[in-house]
Amino acid sequence: MRQYRDIPKLEPVQKRIAQIRQAQEQVRLAQGKGRQKLETLETLGNWKQIAINLERSDGYGQRIQEITDDYRRSKPLKENQIKAINYDFSAYREQRREAQVQRQRQQEFSL
């Protein structure tokens, strides 16, 4: 019979366990968001370097810096900004591919 009398005593413990689990889940989600933010900031830094390699204007580079600063202040990226990032990354990959083809041609020609 004693077991049944102890059940009410367990309710605060069970509530506390539930609170701890909820807190752990919130920490896990926050860590995931933090990791995602770091990855996005890395992408934005790469974007600025790619813009330099693509010989974009100084104003373009300054705008990338403004976007990066806004993102650091938790302002989300806009759809047109994401499109610009993707466009520049694609243009950079194409530029590198063309340069590689050019180098291969030069090597073949020099043989």
PDB file of N, CA and C in Angstrom:
ATOM      1  N   MET A   1       0.805  -1.189   0.000  1.00  0.00           N
ATOM      2  CA  MET A   1       0.000   0.000   0.000  1.00  0.00           C
ATOM      3  C   MET A   1       0.852   1.258   0.000  1.00  0.00           C
ATOM      4  N   ARG A   2       2.007   1.177   0.581  1.00  0.00           N
ATOM      5  CA  ARG A   2       2.864   2.361   0.700  1.00  0.00           C
ATOM      6  C   ARG A   2       3.217   2.929  -0.674  1.00  0.00           C
ATOM      7  N   GLN A   3       3.377   2.084  -1.682  1.00  0.00           N
ATOM      8  CA  GLN A   3       3.735   2.528  -3.025  1.00  0.00           C
ATOM      9  C   GLN A   3       2.719   3.532  -3.552  1.00  0.00           C
ATOM     10  N   TYR A   4       1.452   3.297  -3.331  1.00  0.00           N
ATOM     11  CA  TYR A   4       0.409   4.185  -3.826  1.00  0.00           C
ATOM     12  C   TYR A   4       0.434   5.538  -3.108  1.00  0.00           C
ATOM     13  N   ARG A   5       0.823   5.557  -1.856  1.00  0.00           N
ATOM     14  CA  ARG A   5       0.909   6.818  -1.121  1.00  0.00           C
ATOM     15  C   ARG A   5       2.075   7.669  -1.596  1.00  0.00           C
ATOM     16  N   ASP A   6       3.107   7.067  -2.167  1.00  0.00           N
ATOM     17  CA  ASP A   6       4.289   7.792  -2.626  1.00  0.00           C
ATOM     18  C   ASP A   6       4.107   8.399  -4.017  1.00  0.00           C
ATOM     19  N   ILE A   7       3.082   7.993  -4.749  1.00  0.00           N
ATOM     20  CA  ILE A   7       2.862   8.503  -6.101  1.00  0.00           C
ATOM     21  C   ILE A   7       2.716  10.028  -6.126  1.00  0.00           C
ATOM     22  N   PRO A   8       1.947  10.647  -5.253  1.00  0.00           N
ATOM     23  CA  PRO A   8       1.872  12.118  -5.274  1.00  0.00           C
ATOM     24  C   PRO A   8       3.228  12.787  -5.057  1.00  0.00           C
ATOM     25  N   LYS A   9       4.100  12.133  -4.312  1.00  0.00           N
ATOM     26  CA  LYS A   9       5.436  12.691  -4.088  1.00  0.00           C
ATOM     27  C   LYS A   9       6.266  12.675  -5.366  1.00  0.00           C
ATOM     28  N   LEU A  10       5.955  11.783  -6.294  1.00  0.00           N
ATOM     29  CA  LEU A  10       6.702  11.668  -7.538  1.00  0.00           C
ATOM     30  C   LEU A  10       6.307  12.735  -8.569  1.00  0.00           C
ATOM     31  N   GLU A  11       5.126  13.300  -8.448  1.00  0.00           N
ATOM     32  CA  GLU A  11       4.666  14.267  -9.445  1.00  0.00           C
ATOM     33  C   GLU A  11       5.612  15.454  -9.596  1.00  0.00           C
ATOM     34  N   PRO A  12       6.105  16.078  -8.509  1.00  0.00           N
ATOM     35  CA  PRO A  12       7.057  17.184  -8.694  1.00  0.00           C
ATOM     36  C   PRO A  12       8.343  16.723  -9.367  1.00  0.00           C
ATOM     37  N   VAL A  13       8.778  15.523  -9.060  1.00  0.00           N
ATOM     38  CA  VAL A  13       9.986  14.976  -9.687  1.00  0.00           C
ATOM     39  C   VAL A  13       9.754  14.778 -11.178  1.00  0.00           C
ATOM     40  N   GLN A  14       8.600  14.229 -11.529  1.00  0.00           N
ATOM     41  CA  GLN A  14       8.281  14.016 -12.933  1.00  0.00           C
ATOM     42  C   GLN A  14       8.176  15.348 -13.687  1.00  0.00           C
ATOM     43  N   LYS A  15       7.595  16.358 -13.039  1.00  0.00           N
ATOM     44  CA  LYS A  15       7.518  17.682 -13.656  1.00  0.00           C
ATOM     45  C   LYS A  15       8.914  18.241 -13.883  1.00  0.00           C
ATOM     46  N   ARG A  16       9.774  18.073 -12.913  1.00  0.00           N
ATOM     47  CA  ARG A  16      11.147  18.576 -13.038  1.00  0.00           C
ATOM     48  C   ARG A  16      11.899  17.846 -14.137  1.00  0.00           C
ATOM     49  N   ILE A  17      11.697  16.554 -14.244  1.00  0.00           N
ATOM     50  CA  ILE A  17      12.327  15.778 -15.320  1.00  0.00           C
ATOM     51  C   ILE A  17      11.836  16.290 -16.670  1.00  0.00           C
ATOM     52  N   ALA A  18      10.543  16.561 -16.785  1.00  0.00           N
ATOM     53  CA  ALA A  18       9.987  17.095 -18.030  1.00  0.00           C
ATOM     54  C   ALA A  18      10.579  18.466 -18.346  1.00  0.00           C
ATOM     55  N   GLN A  19      10.762  19.303 -17.340  1.00  0.00           N
ATOM     56  CA  GLN A  19      11.359  20.620 -17.544  1.00  0.00           C
ATOM     57  C   GLN A  19      12.806  20.497 -18.023  1.00  0.00           C
ATOM     58  N   ILE A  20      13.537  19.580 -17.438  1.00  0.00           N
ATOM     59  CA  ILE A  20      14.934  19.360 -17.834  1.00  0.00           C
ATOM     60  C   ILE A  20      15.003  18.881 -19.278  1.00  0.00           C
ATOM     61  N   ARG A  21      14.133  17.953 -19.634  1.00  0.00           N
ATOM     62  CA  ARG A  21      14.118  17.449 -21.012  1.00  0.00           C
ATOM     63  C   ARG A  21      13.779  18.578 -21.997  1.00  0.00           C
ATOM     64  N   GLN A  22      12.823  19.412 -21.614  1.00  0.00           N
ATOM     65  CA  GLN A  22      12.445  20.529 -22.471  1.00  0.00           C
ATOM     66  C   GLN A  22      13.622  21.508 -22.620  1.00  0.00           C
ATOM     67  N   ALA A  23      14.311  21.779 -21.539  1.00  0.00           N
ATOM     68  CA  ALA A  23      15.473  22.669 -21.578  1.00  0.00           C
ATOM     69  C   ALA A  23      16.580  22.073 -22.453  1.00  0.00           C
ATOM     70  N   GLN A  24      16.800  20.776 -22.346  1.00  0.00           N
ATOM     71  CA  GLN A  24      17.815  20.111 -23.167  1.00  0.00           C
ATOM     72  C   GLN A  24      17.456  20.228 -24.650  1.00  0.00           C
ATOM     73  N   GLU A  25      16.186  20.070 -24.970  1.00  0.00           N
ATOM     74  CA  GLU A  25      15.738  20.191 -26.365  1.00  0.00           C
ATOM     75  C   GLU A  25      15.943  21.612 -26.877  1.00  0.00           C
ATOM     76  N   GLN A  26      15.658  22.601 -26.038  1.00  0.00           N
ATOM     77  CA  GLN A  26      15.871  23.996 -26.432  1.00  0.00           C
ATOM     78  C   GLN A  26      17.349  24.283 -26.682  1.00  0.00           C
ATOM     79  N   VAL A  27      18.211  23.735 -25.849  1.00  0.00           N
ATOM     80  CA  VAL A  27      19.653  23.903 -26.039  1.00  0.00           C
ATOM     81  C   VAL A  27      20.085  23.245 -27.343  1.00  0.00           C
ATOM     82  N   ARG A  28      19.577  22.054 -27.604  1.00  0.00           N
ATOM     83  CA  ARG A  28      19.923  21.346 -28.845  1.00  0.00           C
ATOM     84  C   ARG A  28      19.495  22.152 -30.064  1.00  0.00           C
ATOM     85  N   LEU A  29      18.299  22.699 -30.034  1.00  0.00           N
ATOM     86  CA  LEU A  29      17.809  23.519 -31.148  1.00  0.00           C
ATOM     87  C   LEU A  29      18.645  24.786 -31.314  1.00  0.00           C
ATOM     88  N   ALA A  30      18.983  25.413 -30.198  1.00  0.00           N
ATOM     89  CA  ALA A  30      19.797  26.630 -30.245  1.00  0.00           C
ATOM     90  C   ALA A  30      21.182  26.340 -30.812  1.00  0.00           C
ATOM     91  N   GLN A  31      21.749  25.197 -30.448  1.00  0.00           N
ATOM     92  CA  GLN A  31      23.059  24.826 -30.987  1.00  0.00           C
ATOM     93  C   GLN A  31      22.978  24.617 -32.492  1.00  0.00           C
ATOM     94  N   GLY A  32      21.893  23.995 -32.940  1.00  0.00           N
ATOM     95  CA  GLY A  32      21.699  23.795 -34.377  1.00  0.00           C
ATOM     96  C   GLY A  32      21.575  25.114 -35.108  1.00  0.00           C
ATOM     97  N   LYS A  33      20.829  26.042 -34.523  1.00  0.00           N
ATOM     98  CA  LYS A  33      20.684  27.366 -35.137  1.00  0.00           C
ATOM     99  C   LYS A  33      22.017  28.103 -35.132  1.00  0.00           C
ATOM    100  N   GLY A  34      22.766  27.971 -34.060  1.00  0.00           N
ATOM    101  CA  GLY A  34      24.078  28.606 -33.984  1.00  0.00           C
ATOM    102  C   GLY A  34      25.026  28.064 -35.038  1.00  0.00           C
ATOM    103  N   ARG A  35      24.997  26.766 -35.226  1.00  0.00           N
ATOM    104  CA  ARG A  35      25.833  26.127 -36.239  1.00  0.00           C
ATOM    105  C   ARG A  35      25.424  26.607 -37.633  1.00  0.00           C
ATOM    106  N   GLN A  36      24.112  26.697 -37.861  1.00  0.00           N
ATOM    107  CA  GLN A  36      23.616  27.174 -39.151  1.00  0.00           C
ATOM    108  C   GLN A  36      24.039  28.627 -39.392  1.00  0.00           C
ATOM    109  N   LYS A  37      23.966  29.445 -38.346  1.00  0.00           N
ATOM    110  CA  LYS A  37      24.363  30.842 -38.482  1.00  0.00           C
ATOM    111  C   LYS A  37      25.842  30.950 -38.826  1.00  0.00           C
ATOM    112  N   LEU A  38      26.675  30.148 -38.172  1.00  0.00           N
ATOM    113  CA  LEU A  38      28.108  30.157 -38.476  1.00  0.00           C
ATOM    114  C   LEU A  38      28.375  29.750 -39.919  1.00  0.00           C
ATOM    115  N   GLU A  39      27.660  28.734 -40.394  1.00  0.00           N
ATOM    116  CA  GLU A  39      27.832  28.287 -41.777  1.00  0.00           C
ATOM    117  C   GLU A  39      27.410  29.377 -42.754  1.00  0.00           C
ATOM    118  N   THR A  40      26.309  30.074 -42.449  1.00  0.00           N
ATOM    119  CA  THR A  40      25.853  31.148 -43.319  1.00  0.00           C
ATOM    120  C   THR A  40      26.848  32.299 -43.313  1.00  0.00           C
ATOM    121  N   LEU A  41      27.386  32.626 -42.144  1.00  0.00           N
ATOM    122  CA  LEU A  41      28.400  33.685 -42.080  1.00  0.00           C
ATOM    123  C   LEU A  41      29.646  33.301 -42.877  1.00  0.00           C
ATOM    124  N   GLU A  42      30.004  32.038 -42.838  1.00  0.00           N
ATOM    125  CA  GLU A  42      31.138  31.566 -43.644  1.00  0.00           C
ATOM    126  C   GLU A  42      30.834  31.719 -45.136  1.00  0.00           C
ATOM    127  N   THR A  43      29.613  31.380 -45.526  1.00  0.00           N
ATOM    128  CA  THR A  43      29.200  31.533 -46.922  1.00  0.00           C
ATOM    129  C   THR A  43      29.250  32.999 -47.337  1.00  0.00           C
ATOM    130  N   LEU A  44      28.789  33.887 -46.471  1.00  0.00           N
ATOM    131  CA  LEU A  44      28.821  35.313 -46.781  1.00  0.00           C
ATOM    132  C   LEU A  44      30.255  35.812 -46.937  1.00  0.00           C
ATOM    133  N   GLY A  45      31.158  35.329 -46.092  1.00  0.00           N
ATOM    134  CA  GLY A  45      32.571  35.682 -46.232  1.00  0.00           C
ATOM    135  C   GLY A  45      33.148  35.171 -47.540  1.00  0.00           C
ATOM    136  N   ASN A  46      32.784  33.947 -47.897  1.00  0.00           N
ATOM    137  CA  ASN A  46      33.232  33.384 -49.173  1.00  0.00           C
ATOM    138  C   ASN A  46      32.665  34.185 -50.344  1.00  0.00           C
ATOM    139  N   TRP A  47      31.411  34.629 -50.195  1.00  0.00           N
ATOM    140  CA  TRP A  47      30.770  35.422 -51.243  1.00  0.00           C
ATOM    141  C   TRP A  47      31.563  36.707 -51.504  1.00  0.00           C
ATOM    142  N   LYS A  48      31.990  37.346 -50.426  1.00  0.00           N
ATOM    143  CA  LYS A  48      32.758  38.577 -50.593  1.00  0.00           C
ATOM    144  C   LYS A  48      34.062  38.298 -51.344  1.00  0.00           C
ATOM    145  N   GLN A  49      34.744  37.217 -50.994  1.00  0.00           N
ATOM    146  CA  GLN A  49      35.987  36.863 -51.678  1.00  0.00           C
ATOM    147  C   GLN A  49      35.728  36.523 -53.142  1.00  0.00           C
ATOM    148  N   ILE A  50      34.646  35.819 -53.398  1.00  0.00           N
ATOM    149  CA  ILE A  50      34.284  35.473 -54.776  1.00  0.00           C
ATOM    150  C   ILE A  50      33.980  36.738 -55.568  1.00  0.00           C
ATOM    151  N   ALA A  51      33.297  37.692 -54.962  1.00  0.00           N
ATOM    152  CA  ALA A  51      32.988  38.961 -55.634  1.00  0.00           C
ATOM    153  C   ALA A  51      34.275  39.675 -56.031  1.00  0.00           C
ATOM    154  N   ILE A  52      35.270  39.609 -55.153  1.00  0.00           N
ATOM    155  CA  ILE A  52      36.574  40.207 -55.473  1.00  0.00           C
ATOM    156  C   ILE A  52      37.194  39.472 -56.660  1.00  0.00           C
ATOM    157  N   ASN A  53      37.160  38.135 -56.633  1.00  0.00           N
ATOM    158  CA  ASN A  53      37.732  37.335 -57.723  1.00  0.00           C
ATOM    159  C   ASN A  53      37.002  37.572 -59.043  1.00  0.00           C
ATOM    160  N   LEU A  54      35.711  37.847 -58.961  1.00  0.00           N
ATOM    161  CA  LEU A  54      34.916  38.131 -60.160  1.00  0.00           C
ATOM    162  C   LEU A  54      35.039  39.594 -60.588  1.00  0.00           C
ATOM    163  N   GLU A  55      35.849  40.342 -59.856  1.00  0.00           N
ATOM    164  CA  GLU A  55      36.092  41.759 -60.120  1.00  0.00           C
ATOM    165  C   GLU A  55      34.817  42.588 -60.082  1.00  0.00           C
ATOM    166  N   ARG A  56      33.974  42.285 -59.082  1.00  0.00           N
ATOM    167  CA  ARG A  56      32.781  43.101 -58.864  1.00  0.00           C
ATOM    168  C   ARG A  56      33.224  44.464 -58.321  1.00  0.00           C
ATOM    169  N   SER A  57      32.358  45.429 -58.402  1.00  0.00           N
ATOM    170  CA  SER A  57      32.702  46.791 -57.970  1.00  0.00           C
ATOM    171  C   SER A  57      32.912  46.851 -56.456  1.00  0.00           C
ATOM    172  N   ASP A  58      33.596  47.914 -56.025  1.00  0.00           N
ATOM    173  CA  ASP A  58      33.794  48.117 -54.590  1.00  0.00           C
ATOM    174  C   ASP A  58      32.447  48.283 -53.887  1.00  0.00           C
ATOM    175  N   GLY A  59      31.511  48.945 -54.550  1.00  0.00           N
ATOM    176  CA  GLY A  59      30.177  49.122 -53.982  1.00  0.00           C
ATOM    177  C   GLY A  59      29.481  47.797 -53.752  1.00  0.00           C
ATOM    178  N   TYR A  60      29.688  46.862 -54.670  1.00  0.00           N
ATOM    179  CA  TYR A  60      29.108  45.519 -54.532  1.00  0.00           C
ATOM    180  C   TYR A  60      29.677  44.835 -53.302  1.00  0.00           C
ATOM    181  N   GLY A  61      30.986  44.938 -53.130  1.00  0.00           N
ATOM    182  CA  GLY A  61      31.632  44.354 -51.952  1.00  0.00           C
ATOM    183  C   GLY A  61      31.147  45.006 -50.662  1.00  0.00           C
ATOM    184  N   GLN A  62      30.946  46.308 -50.703  1.00  0.00           N
ATOM    185  CA  GLN A  62      30.429  47.007 -49.523  1.00  0.00           C
ATOM    186  C   GLN A  62      29.010  46.550 -49.204  1.00  0.00           C
ATOM    187  N   ARG A  63      28.219  46.316 -50.240  1.00  0.00           N
ATOM    188  CA  ARG A  63      26.843  45.842 -50.014  1.00  0.00           C
ATOM    189  C   ARG A  63      26.865  44.451 -49.387  1.00  0.00           C
ATOM    190  N   ILE A  64      27.780  43.596 -49.829  1.00  0.00           N
ATOM    191  CA  ILE A  64      27.915  42.264 -49.226  1.00  0.00           C
ATOM    192  C   ILE A  64      28.250  42.407 -47.746  1.00  0.00           C
ATOM    193  N   GLN A  65      29.133  43.345 -47.421  1.00  0.00           N
ATOM    194  CA  GLN A  65      29.500  43.571 -46.018  1.00  0.00           C
ATOM    195  C   GLN A  65      28.290  44.044 -45.213  1.00  0.00           C
ATOM    196  N   GLU A  66      27.466  44.913 -45.798  1.00  0.00           N
ATOM    197  CA  GLU A  66      26.252  45.379 -45.115  1.00  0.00           C
ATOM    198  C   GLU A  66      25.289  44.218 -44.868  1.00  0.00           C
ATOM    199  N   ILE A  67      25.141  43.359 -45.869  1.00  0.00           N
ATOM    200  CA  ILE A  67      24.267  42.190 -45.732  1.00  0.00           C
ATOM    201  C   ILE A  67      24.791  41.282 -44.624  1.00  0.00           C
ATOM    202  N   THR A  68      26.108  41.096 -44.596  1.00  0.00           N
ATOM    203  CA  THR A  68      26.733  40.260 -43.564  1.00  0.00           C
ATOM    204  C   THR A  68      26.508  40.861 -42.182  1.00  0.00           C
ATOM    205  N   ASP A  69      26.706  42.159 -42.071  1.00  0.00           N
ATOM    206  CA  ASP A  69      26.493  42.828 -40.783  1.00  0.00           C
ATOM    207  C   ASP A  69      25.040  42.708 -40.334  1.00  0.00           C
ATOM    208  N   ASP A  70      24.114  42.889 -41.275  1.00  0.00           N
ATOM    209  CA  ASP A  70      22.688  42.737 -40.953  1.00  0.00           C
ATOM    210  C   ASP A  70      22.388  41.319 -40.477  1.00  0.00           C
ATOM    211  N   TYR A  71      22.980  40.337 -41.156  1.00  0.00           N
ATOM    212  CA  TYR A  71      22.748  38.937 -40.773  1.00  0.00           C
ATOM    213  C   TYR A  71      23.292  38.666 -39.372  1.00  0.00           C
ATOM    214  N   ARG A  72      24.435  39.254 -39.065  1.00  0.00           N
ATOM    215  CA  ARG A  72      24.995  39.094 -37.707  1.00  0.00           C
ATOM    216  C   ARG A  72      24.042  39.649 -36.652  1.00  0.00           C
ATOM    217  N   ARG A  73      23.282  40.676 -37.040  1.00  0.00           N
ATOM    218  CA  ARG A  73      22.309  41.277 -36.122  1.00  0.00           C
ATOM    219  C   ARG A  73      20.952  40.577 -36.211  1.00  0.00           C
ATOM    220  N   SER A  74      20.970  39.352 -36.731  1.00  0.00           N
ATOM    221  CA  SER A  74      19.788  38.471 -36.810  1.00  0.00           C
ATOM    222  C   SER A  74      18.753  38.917 -37.833  1.00  0.00           C
ATOM    223  N   LYS A  75      19.145  39.714 -38.796  1.00  0.00           N
ATOM    224  CA  LYS A  75      18.238  40.057 -39.892  1.00  0.00           C
ATOM    225  C   LYS A  75      18.363  38.948 -40.945  1.00  0.00           C
ATOM    226  N   PRO A  76      17.272  38.288 -41.288  1.00  0.00           N
ATOM    227  CA  PRO A  76      17.373  37.163 -42.228  1.00  0.00           C
ATOM    228  C   PRO A  76      17.740  37.631 -43.637  1.00  0.00           C
ATOM    229  N   LEU A  77      18.323  36.723 -44.385  1.00  0.00           N
ATOM    230  CA  LEU A  77      18.644  37.016 -45.779  1.00  0.00           C
ATOM    231  C   LEU A  77      17.359  37.079 -46.596  1.00  0.00           C
ATOM    232  N   LYS A  78      17.349  38.005 -47.553  1.00  0.00           N
ATOM    233  CA  LYS A  78      16.204  38.131 -48.449  1.00  0.00           C
ATOM    234  C   LYS A  78      16.392  37.198 -49.641  1.00  0.00           C
ATOM    235  N   GLU A  79      15.291  36.893 -50.293  1.00  0.00           N
ATOM    236  CA  GLU A  79      15.330  35.968 -51.429  1.00  0.00           C
ATOM    237  C   GLU A  79      16.259  36.475 -52.533  1.00  0.00           C
ATOM    238  N   ASN A  80      16.214  37.773 -52.825  1.00  0.00           N
ATOM    239  CA  ASN A  80      17.077  38.292 -53.891  1.00  0.00           C
ATOM    240  C   ASN A  80      18.555  38.244 -53.495  1.00  0.00           C
ATOM    241  N   GLN A  81      18.846  38.336 -52.205  1.00  0.00           N
ATOM    242  CA  GLN A  81      20.229  38.212 -51.749  1.00  0.00           C
ATOM    243  C   GLN A  81      20.723  36.780 -51.916  1.00  0.00           C
ATOM    244  N   ILE A  82      19.868  35.828 -51.601  1.00  0.00           N
ATOM    245  CA  ILE A  82      20.220  34.418 -51.778  1.00  0.00           C
ATOM    246  C   ILE A  82      20.448  34.117 -53.257  1.00  0.00           C
ATOM    247  N   LYS A  83      19.609  34.682 -54.113  1.00  0.00           N
ATOM    248  CA  LYS A  83      19.784  34.497 -55.562  1.00  0.00           C
ATOM    249  C   LYS A  83      21.110  35.087 -56.030  1.00  0.00           C
ATOM    250  N   ALA A  84      21.474  36.254 -55.503  1.00  0.00           N
ATOM    251  CA  ALA A  84      22.746  36.883 -55.875  1.00  0.00           C
ATOM    252  C   ALA A  84      23.928  36.029 -55.432  1.00  0.00           C
ATOM    253  N   ILE A  85      23.833  35.481 -54.233  1.00  0.00           N
ATOM    254  CA  ILE A  85      24.894  34.585 -53.736  1.00  0.00           C
ATOM    255  C   ILE A  85      25.039  33.393 -54.674  1.00  0.00           C
ATOM    256  N   ASN A  86      23.933  32.746 -54.981  1.00  0.00           N
ATOM    257  CA  ASN A  86      23.966  31.572 -55.859  1.00  0.00           C
ATOM    258  C   ASN A  86      24.485  31.926 -57.244  1.00  0.00           C
ATOM    259  N   TYR A  87      24.080  33.075 -57.758  1.00  0.00           N
ATOM    260  CA  TYR A  87      24.536  33.510 -59.084  1.00  0.00           C
ATOM    261  C   TYR A  87      26.051  33.703 -59.088  1.00  0.00           C
ATOM    262  N   ASP A  88      26.563  34.405 -58.077  1.00  0.00           N
ATOM    263  CA  ASP A  88      28.002  34.660 -58.028  1.00  0.00           C
ATOM    264  C   ASP A  88      28.801  33.374 -57.812  1.00  0.00           C
ATOM    265  N   PHE A  89      28.302  32.474 -56.980  1.00  0.00           N
ATOM    266  CA  PHE A  89      28.992  31.195 -56.788  1.00  0.00           C
ATOM    267  C   PHE A  89      29.030  30.410 -58.096  1.00  0.00           C
ATOM    268  N   SER A  90      27.921  30.423 -58.837  1.00  0.00           N
ATOM    269  CA  SER A  90      27.874  29.728 -60.135  1.00  0.00           C
ATOM    270  C   SER A  90      28.823  30.377 -61.133  1.00  0.00           C
ATOM    271  N   ALA A  91      28.835  31.702 -61.166  1.00  0.00           N
ATOM    272  CA  ALA A  91      29.731  32.417 -62.081  1.00  0.00           C
ATOM    273  C   ALA A  91      31.187  32.118 -61.738  1.00  0.00           C
ATOM    274  N   TYR A  92      31.490  32.030 -60.459  1.00  0.00           N
ATOM    275  CA  TYR A  92      32.854  31.742 -60.030  1.00  0.00           C
ATOM    276  C   TYR A  92      33.254  30.321 -60.426  1.00  0.00           C
ATOM    277  N   ARG A  93      32.345  29.367 -60.228  1.00  0.00           N
ATOM    278  CA  ARG A  93      32.637  27.979 -60.629  1.00  0.00           C
ATOM    279  C   ARG A  93      32.876  27.919 -62.140  1.00  0.00           C
ATOM    280  N   GLU A  94      32.076  28.634 -62.901  1.00  0.00           N
ATOM    281  CA  GLU A  94      32.238  28.650 -64.358  1.00  0.00           C
ATOM    282  C   GLU A  94      33.573  29.291 -64.737  1.00  0.00           C
ATOM    283  N   GLN A  95      33.926  30.358 -64.057  1.00  0.00           N
ATOM    284  CA  GLN A  95      35.201  31.023 -64.317  1.00  0.00           C
ATOM    285  C   GLN A  95      36.368  30.068 -64.053  1.00  0.00           C
ATOM    286  N   ARG A  96      36.291  29.344 -62.958  1.00  0.00           N
ATOM    287  CA  ARG A  96      37.354  28.380 -62.627  1.00  0.00           C
ATOM    288  C   ARG A  96      37.410  27.245 -63.654  1.00  0.00           C
ATOM    289  N   ARG A  97      36.229  26.782 -64.072  1.00  0.00           N
ATOM    290  CA  ARG A  97      36.169  25.702 -65.065  1.00  0.00           C
ATOM    291  C   ARG A  97      36.804  26.163 -66.382  1.00  0.00           C
ATOM    292  N   GLU A  98      36.488  27.377 -66.800  1.00  0.00           N
ATOM    293  CA  GLU A  98      37.068  27.920 -68.030  1.00  0.00           C
ATOM    294  C   GLU A  98      38.578  28.072 -67.909  1.00  0.00           C
ATOM    295  N   ALA A  99      39.043  28.523 -66.750  1.00  0.00           N
ATOM    296  CA  ALA A  99      40.483  28.669 -66.532  1.00  0.00           C
ATOM    297  C   ALA A  99      41.180  27.312 -66.579  1.00  0.00           C
ATOM    298  N   GLN A 100      40.536  26.290 -66.051  1.00  0.00           N
ATOM    299  CA  GLN A 100      41.114  24.948 -66.068  1.00  0.00           C
ATOM    300  C   GLN A 100      41.195  24.429 -67.505  1.00  0.00           C
ATOM    301  N   VAL A 101      40.160  24.643 -68.273  1.00  0.00           N
ATOM    302  CA  VAL A 101      40.163  24.226 -69.675  1.00  0.00           C
ATOM    303  C   VAL A 101      41.271  24.961 -70.426  1.00  0.00           C
ATOM    304  N   GLN A 102      41.408  26.238 -70.163  1.00  0.00           N
ATOM    305  CA  GLN A 102      42.446  27.041 -70.802  1.00  0.00           C
ATOM    306  C   GLN A 102      43.833  26.508 -70.471  1.00  0.00           C
ATOM    307  N   ARG A 103      44.054  26.167 -69.193  1.00  0.00           N
ATOM    308  CA  ARG A 103      45.357  25.610 -68.796  1.00  0.00           C
ATOM    309  C   ARG A 103      45.631  24.280 -69.496  1.00  0.00           C
ATOM    310  N   GLN A 104      44.602  23.435 -69.613  1.00  0.00           N
ATOM    311  CA  GLN A 104      44.765  22.152 -70.274  1.00  0.00           C
ATOM    312  C   GLN A 104      45.122  22.345 -71.746  1.00  0.00           C
ATOM    313  N   ARG A 105      44.484  23.292 -72.370  1.00  0.00           N
ATOM    314  CA  ARG A 105      44.774  23.581 -73.780  1.00  0.00           C
ATOM    315  C   ARG A 105      46.205  24.059 -73.944  1.00  0.00           C
ATOM    316  N   GLN A 106      46.649  24.905 -73.042  1.00  0.00           N
ATOM    317  CA  GLN A 106      48.010  25.421 -73.107  1.00  0.00           C
ATOM    318  C   GLN A 106      49.009  24.300 -72.917  1.00  0.00           C
ATOM    319  N   GLN A 107      48.709  23.367 -72.010  1.00  0.00           N
ATOM    320  CA  GLN A 107      49.599  22.235 -71.785  1.00  0.00           C
ATOM    321  C   GLN A 107      49.659  21.358 -73.031  1.00  0.00           C
ATOM    322  N   GLU A 108      48.523  21.122 -73.656  1.00  0.00           N
ATOM    323  CA  GLU A 108      48.487  20.307 -74.884  1.00  0.00           C
ATOM    324  C   GLU A 108      49.236  20.989 -76.002  1.00  0.00           C
ATOM    325  N   PHE A 109      49.121  22.283 -76.052  1.00  0.00           N
ATOM    326  CA  PHE A 109      49.768  23.052 -77.105  1.00  0.00           C
ATOM    327  C   PHE A 109      51.274  23.079 -76.925  1.00  0.00           C
ATOM    328  N   SER A 110      51.721  23.078 -75.673  1.00  0.00           N
ATOM    329  CA  SER A 110      53.155  23.152 -75.405  1.00  0.00           C
ATOM    330  C   SER A 110      53.850  21.801 -75.575  1.00  0.00           C
ATOM    331  N   LEU A 111      53.096  20.749 -75.716  1.00  0.00           N
ATOM    332  CA  LEU A 111      53.710  19.428 -75.900  1.00  0.00           C
ATOM    333  C   LEU A 111      54.149  19.332 -77.302  1.00  0.00           C
TER     334      LEU A 111
END
